[in-house]
Amino acid sequence: MAFIGWIAAALTTFSFLPQAIKTVKEKNTSGISLGMYSMFTAGVFLWMVYGFIIGDIPLMLSNIVTFLFASIVLTMKLKYK
């Protein structure tokens, strides 16, 4: 069953990579909601913390990477708004 967790973690984590790449390339964040991305990034951070608390490696790793991607997009949104 752990295999399913790793696949789910990889899919949900790397689904944000295209948005991060596009945002960095185009420097255009007009279609991104600041409120949504702020809440999303905070939520991912808390999932990451929770993963550390319970010692769940897929939860920790996937949310570390997702937090990095989301932080890039959020930073760009704040910079180019």
Protein backbone atom coordinates (compact mmCIF):
# COMPACT_ATOMS: atom_id res chain seq x y z
CA MET A 1 0.00 0.00 0.00
CA ALA A 2 2.92 2.39 0.56
CA PHE A 3 3.48 2.29 -3.20
CA ILE A 4 0.10 3.99 -3.73
CA GLY A 5 1.15 6.76 -1.33
CA TRP A 6 4.39 7.35 -3.23
CA ILE A 7 2.55 7.51 -6.59
CA ALA A 8 -0.08 9.88 -5.19
CA ALA A 9 2.64 12.05 -3.65
CA ALA A 10 4.60 12.20 -6.92
CA LEU A 11 1.55 13.05 -9.05
CA THR A 12 0.20 15.78 -6.80
CA THR A 13 3.64 17.23 -6.17
CA PHE A 14 4.84 17.40 -9.73
CA SER A 15 1.49 18.68 -11.02
CA PHE A 16 2.65 22.12 -9.81
CA LEU A 17 5.92 22.07 -11.73
CA PRO A 18 4.41 23.20 -15.09
CA GLN A 19 2.78 26.21 -13.38
CA ALA A 20 6.02 27.16 -11.64
CA ILE A 21 8.01 26.88 -14.88
CA LYS A 22 5.42 28.86 -16.85
CA THR A 23 5.27 31.58 -14.21
CA VAL A 24 9.04 31.95 -14.06
CA LYS A 25 9.38 31.98 -17.87
CA GLU A 26 6.55 34.41 -18.61
CA LYS A 27 6.66 36.49 -15.42
CA ASN A 28 2.90 36.66 -15.75
CA THR A 29 0.77 35.91 -12.72
CA SER A 30 -2.41 37.71 -13.73
CA GLY A 31 -4.44 34.48 -13.87
CA ILE A 32 -3.37 33.35 -10.41
CA SER A 33 -5.38 34.22 -7.31
CA LEU A 34 -3.19 35.65 -4.54
CA GLY A 35 -5.65 34.49 -1.88
CA MET A 36 -5.83 30.94 -3.20
CA TYR A 37 -2.07 30.55 -3.61
CA SER A 38 -1.41 32.06 -0.17
CA MET A 39 -3.81 29.63 1.49
CA PHE A 40 -2.54 26.73 -0.60
CA THR A 41 1.11 27.42 0.27
CA ALA A 42 0.28 27.73 3.98
CA GLY A 43 -1.71 24.48 3.82
CA VAL A 44 1.13 22.64 2.12
CA PHE A 45 3.52 23.94 4.77
CA LEU A 46 1.25 22.60 7.51
CA TRP A 47 0.96 19.20 5.75
CA MET A 48 4.76 19.14 5.63
CA VAL A 49 4.97 19.85 9.37
CA TYR A 50 2.34 17.20 10.05
CA GLY A 51 4.36 14.70 8.00
CA PHE A 52 7.38 15.39 10.21
CA ILE A 53 5.30 15.04 13.37
CA ILE A 54 3.92 11.62 12.39
CA GLY A 55 7.09 10.49 10.60
CA ASP A 56 5.44 9.86 7.23
CA ILE A 57 8.20 10.05 4.62
CA PRO A 58 5.99 10.33 1.47
CA LEU A 59 3.96 13.07 3.17
CA MET A 60 7.11 14.93 4.23
CA LEU A 61 8.97 14.71 0.93
CA SER A 62 6.04 15.45 -1.33
CA ASN A 63 5.06 18.51 0.68
CA ILE A 64 8.63 19.81 0.88
CA VAL A 65 8.83 19.79 -2.92
CA THR A 66 5.28 21.11 -3.37
CA PHE A 67 6.02 23.89 -0.87
CA LEU A 68 9.08 24.90 -2.89
CA PHE A 69 7.11 24.99 -6.17
CA ALA A 70 4.17 26.84 -4.59
CA SER A 71 6.52 29.31 -2.90
CA ILE A 72 8.12 30.14 -6.25
CA VAL A 73 4.73 30.89 -7.80
CA LEU A 74 3.56 32.84 -4.74
CA THR A 75 6.77 34.90 -4.68
CA MET A 76 6.36 35.69 -8.37
CA LYS A 77 2.71 36.64 -7.77
CA LEU A 78 3.74 39.08 -5.05
CA LYS A 79 6.59 40.48 -7.15
CA TYR A 80 4.63 40.96 -10.40
CA LYS A 81 1.19 41.96 -9.13
